[in-house]
Amino acid sequence: MHTQISPTVPELCHMAARLVADETGVPLSEVLHACRLARPVSATRALAMYLAHVGLGVPMSAVGRAFGRHRSTVAHACRTVAPRDRPLGPQGVRARGADEPRAGAGPGRGGASCRVSADWERV
């Protein structure tokens, strides 16, 4: 009889992060970094969170804890990454589904950039 050991949720999230980091060439330490960092890093992190949630079935709240983020950040990452699965249209633009708002649309999306002050600390 074989005893099968299942990986823990943090291990699953770390595996997703390591896989995406290896594929994109972004260092794993940057993918798991507490700060947002540059756009390629945050895009890689979003892809890793998407993989952990959608691909591995980890709940958003658990993915958020594993990455040191709020579950709403994971939800945003999933919304951001999911449309990339669609094929490119004739002009190199991904088709937007009828149920999807255009970028920047919706309440509270005035286009203002949200920045974290230098004195902000994680609690």
C-alpha atoms as a PDB file:
ATOM      1  CA  MET A   1       0.000   0.000   0.000  1.00  0.00           C
ATOM      2  CA  HIS A   2       1.320   3.412  -0.990  1.00  0.00           C
ATOM      3  CA  THR A   3       0.713   6.494   1.036  1.00  0.00           C
ATOM      4  CA  GLN A   4       0.081   9.475  -1.169  1.00  0.00           C
ATOM      5  CA  ILE A   5       1.045  12.846   0.225  1.00  0.00           C
ATOM      6  CA  SER A   6      -0.844  15.787  -1.208  1.00  0.00           C
ATOM      7  CA  PRO A   7       0.958  19.111  -1.453  1.00  0.00           C
ATOM      8  CA  THR A   8      -0.303  21.882   0.794  1.00  0.00           C
ATOM      9  CA  VAL A   9      -1.973  24.970  -0.630  1.00  0.00           C
ATOM     10  CA  PRO A  10       1.143  27.135  -0.180  1.00  0.00           C
ATOM     11  CA  GLU A  11       3.206  24.435  -1.909  1.00  0.00           C
ATOM     12  CA  LEU A  12       0.782  24.346  -4.842  1.00  0.00           C
ATOM     13  CA  CYS A  13       0.954  28.140  -5.174  1.00  0.00           C
ATOM     14  CA  HIS A  14       4.739  28.074  -4.926  1.00  0.00           C
ATOM     15  CA  MET A  15       4.874  25.403  -7.663  1.00  0.00           C
ATOM     16  CA  ALA A  16       2.687  27.574  -9.915  1.00  0.00           C
ATOM     17  CA  ALA A  17       4.909  30.585  -9.238  1.00  0.00           C
ATOM     18  CA  ARG A  18       8.083  28.598  -9.925  1.00  0.00           C
ATOM     19  CA  LEU A  19       6.686  27.169 -13.179  1.00  0.00           C
ATOM     20  CA  VAL A  20       5.611  30.573 -14.490  1.00  0.00           C
ATOM     21  CA  ALA A  21       8.873  32.195 -13.341  1.00  0.00           C
ATOM     22  CA  ASP A  22      10.906  29.550 -15.160  1.00  0.00           C
ATOM     23  CA  GLU A  23       8.859  29.963 -18.341  1.00  0.00           C
ATOM     24  CA  THR A  24       8.994  33.757 -18.368  1.00  0.00           C
ATOM     25  CA  GLY A  25      12.537  34.210 -17.093  1.00  0.00           C
ATOM     26  CA  VAL A  26      11.419  36.397 -14.188  1.00  0.00           C
ATOM     27  CA  PRO A  27      13.233  35.449 -10.962  1.00  0.00           C
ATOM     28  CA  LEU A  28      11.034  33.552  -8.515  1.00  0.00           C
ATOM     29  CA  SER A  29      12.052  35.921  -5.724  1.00  0.00           C
ATOM     30  CA  GLU A  30      10.523  38.812  -7.695  1.00  0.00           C
ATOM     31  CA  VAL A  31       7.325  36.876  -8.454  1.00  0.00           C
ATOM     32  CA  LEU A  32       6.889  36.239  -4.723  1.00  0.00           C
ATOM     33  CA  HIS A  33       8.083  39.719  -3.672  1.00  0.00           C
ATOM     34  CA  ALA A  34       5.828  41.716  -1.357  1.00  0.00           C
ATOM     35  CA  CYS A  35       5.967  44.817  -3.570  1.00  0.00           C
ATOM     36  CA  ARG A  36       4.388  45.180  -6.967  1.00  0.00           C
ATOM     37  CA  LEU A  37       7.653  45.850  -8.867  1.00  0.00           C
ATOM     38  CA  ALA A  38       7.776  46.340 -12.664  1.00  0.00           C
ATOM     39  CA  ARG A  39       4.924  45.451 -15.027  1.00  0.00           C
ATOM     40  CA  PRO A  40       6.588  42.242 -16.361  1.00  0.00           C
ATOM     41  CA  VAL A  41       6.906  41.008 -12.770  1.00  0.00           C
ATOM     42  CA  SER A  42       3.324  41.833 -11.823  1.00  0.00           C
ATOM     43  CA  ALA A  43       2.065  40.233 -15.065  1.00  0.00           C
ATOM     44  CA  THR A  44       4.067  37.100 -14.279  1.00  0.00           C
ATOM     45  CA  ARG A  45       2.667  37.066 -10.738  1.00  0.00           C
ATOM     46  CA  ALA A  46      -0.863  37.457 -12.117  1.00  0.00           C
ATOM     47  CA  LEU A  47      -0.306  34.490 -14.418  1.00  0.00           C
ATOM     48  CA  ALA A  48       0.983  32.414 -11.498  1.00  0.00           C
ATOM     49  CA  MET A  49      -2.050  33.320  -9.376  1.00  0.00           C
ATOM     50  CA  TYR A  50      -4.340  32.447 -12.301  1.00  0.00           C
ATOM     51  CA  LEU A  51      -2.603  29.082 -12.721  1.00  0.00           C
ATOM     52  CA  ALA A  52      -2.894  28.323  -9.009  1.00  0.00           C
ATOM     53  CA  HIS A  53      -6.598  29.190  -8.923  1.00  0.00           C
ATOM     54  CA  VAL A  54      -7.891  27.999 -12.291  1.00  0.00           C
ATOM     55  CA  GLY A  55      -5.350  25.318 -13.126  1.00  0.00           C
ATOM     56  CA  LEU A  56      -4.810  23.820  -9.682  1.00  0.00           C
ATOM     57  CA  GLY A  57      -8.196  24.614  -8.150  1.00  0.00           C
ATOM     58  CA  VAL A  58      -6.895  26.540  -5.142  1.00  0.00           C
ATOM     59  CA  PRO A  59      -9.515  28.944  -3.714  1.00  0.00           C
ATOM     60  CA  MET A  60      -8.850  32.637  -4.378  1.00  0.00           C
ATOM     61  CA  SER A  61      -8.532  33.480  -0.697  1.00  0.00           C
ATOM     62  CA  ALA A  62      -5.881  30.761  -0.236  1.00  0.00           C
ATOM     63  CA  VAL A  63      -3.997  31.914  -3.357  1.00  0.00           C
ATOM     64  CA  GLY A  64      -4.069  35.449  -1.991  1.00  0.00           C
ATOM     65  CA  ARG A  65      -2.631  34.338   1.346  1.00  0.00           C
ATOM     66  CA  ALA A  66       0.098  32.298  -0.354  1.00  0.00           C
ATOM     67  CA  PHE A  67       1.146  35.268  -2.506  1.00  0.00           C
ATOM     68  CA  GLY A  68       0.725  37.814   0.301  1.00  0.00           C
ATOM     69  CA  ARG A  69      -2.154  39.492  -1.509  1.00  0.00           C
ATOM     70  CA  HIS A  70      -5.881  40.025  -0.979  1.00  0.00           C
ATOM     71  CA  ARG A  71      -8.317  37.669  -2.714  1.00  0.00           C
ATOM     72  CA  SER A  72      -9.620  40.584  -4.781  1.00  0.00           C
ATOM     73  CA  THR A  73      -6.120  40.887  -6.266  1.00  0.00           C
ATOM     74  CA  VAL A  74      -6.349  37.236  -7.303  1.00  0.00           C
ATOM     75  CA  ALA A  75      -9.775  37.879  -8.837  1.00  0.00           C
ATOM     76  CA  HIS A  76      -8.335  40.819 -10.781  1.00  0.00           C
ATOM     77  CA  ALA A  77      -5.419  38.655 -11.944  1.00  0.00           C
ATOM     78  CA  CYS A  78      -7.832  35.986 -13.171  1.00  0.00           C
ATOM     79  CA  ARG A  79      -9.919  38.545 -15.074  1.00  0.00           C
ATOM     80  CA  THR A  80      -6.769  40.024 -16.566  1.00  0.00           C
ATOM     81  CA  VAL A  81      -5.192  36.738 -17.630  1.00  0.00           C
ATOM     82  CA  ALA A  82      -8.290  34.833 -18.774  1.00  0.00           C
ATOM     83  CA  PRO A  83      -8.935  36.873 -21.958  1.00  0.00           C
ATOM     84  CA  ARG A  84      -5.411  36.076 -23.130  1.00  0.00           C
ATOM     85  CA  ASP A  85      -6.645  32.547 -23.802  1.00  0.00           C
ATOM     86  CA  ARG A  86      -8.687  33.826 -26.739  1.00  0.00           C
ATOM     87  CA  PRO A  87      -7.107  33.760 -30.189  1.00  0.00           C
ATOM     88  CA  LEU A  88      -5.997  36.951 -31.851  1.00  0.00           C
ATOM     89  CA  GLY A  89      -8.364  38.525 -34.336  1.00  0.00           C
ATOM     90  CA  PRO A  90      -7.473  39.747 -37.836  1.00  0.00           C
ATOM     91  CA  GLN A  91      -5.895  42.973 -36.560  1.00  0.00           C
ATOM     92  CA  GLY A  92      -3.887  41.320 -33.783  1.00  0.00           C
ATOM     93  CA  VAL A  93      -6.439  42.250 -31.129  1.00  0.00           C
ATOM     94  CA  ARG A  94      -8.132  39.754 -28.866  1.00  0.00           C
ATOM     95  CA  ALA A  95     -11.866  39.637 -29.292  1.00  0.00           C
ATOM     96  CA  ARG A  96     -13.804  40.946 -26.319  1.00  0.00           C
ATOM     97  CA  GLY A  97     -16.767  38.856 -25.255  1.00  0.00           C
ATOM     98  CA  ALA A  98     -20.198  40.449 -25.324  1.00  0.00           C
ATOM     99  CA  ASP A  99     -20.386  40.173 -21.534  1.00  0.00           C
ATOM    100  CA  GLU A 100     -17.031  41.912 -20.982  1.00  0.00           C
ATOM    101  CA  PRO A 101     -16.791  45.643 -20.413  1.00  0.00           C
ATOM    102  CA  ARG A 102     -14.165  47.527 -22.342  1.00  0.00           C
ATOM    103  CA  ALA A 103     -10.940  48.322 -20.514  1.00  0.00           C
ATOM    104  CA  GLY A 104     -11.308  51.067 -17.959  1.00  0.00           C
ATOM    105  CA  ALA A 105     -15.101  50.981 -18.014  1.00  0.00           C
ATOM    106  CA  GLY A 106     -17.196  50.730 -14.924  1.00  0.00           C
ATOM    107  CA  PRO A 107     -17.671  52.500 -11.630  1.00  0.00           C
ATOM    108  CA  GLY A 108     -14.603  53.852  -9.923  1.00  0.00           C
ATOM    109  CA  ARG A 109     -12.371  53.513 -12.967  1.00  0.00           C
ATOM    110  CA  GLY A 110     -11.405  57.064 -13.674  1.00  0.00           C
ATOM    111  CA  GLY A 111      -8.034  56.068 -15.042  1.00  0.00           C
ATOM    112  CA  ALA A 112      -6.115  57.445 -12.075  1.00  0.00           C
ATOM    113  CA  SER A 113      -3.004  55.539 -11.178  1.00  0.00           C
ATOM    114  CA  CYS A 114      -2.973  53.984  -7.749  1.00  0.00           C
ATOM    115  CA  ARG A 115       0.402  54.190  -6.051  1.00  0.00           C
ATOM    116  CA  VAL A 116       1.588  52.874  -2.723  1.00  0.00           C
ATOM    117  CA  SER A 117       3.489  55.352  -0.619  1.00  0.00           C
ATOM    118  CA  ALA A 118       7.043  54.553   0.440  1.00  0.00           C
ATOM    119  CA  ASP A 119       6.051  54.498   4.109  1.00  0.00           C
ATOM    120  CA  TRP A 120       3.352  51.850   3.625  1.00  0.00           C
ATOM    121  CA  GLU A 121       3.980  48.621   5.517  1.00  0.00           C
ATOM    122  CA  ARG A 122       2.374  45.209   5.426  1.00  0.00           C
ATOM    123  CA  VAL A 123       0.340  44.417   8.503  1.00  0.00           C
END
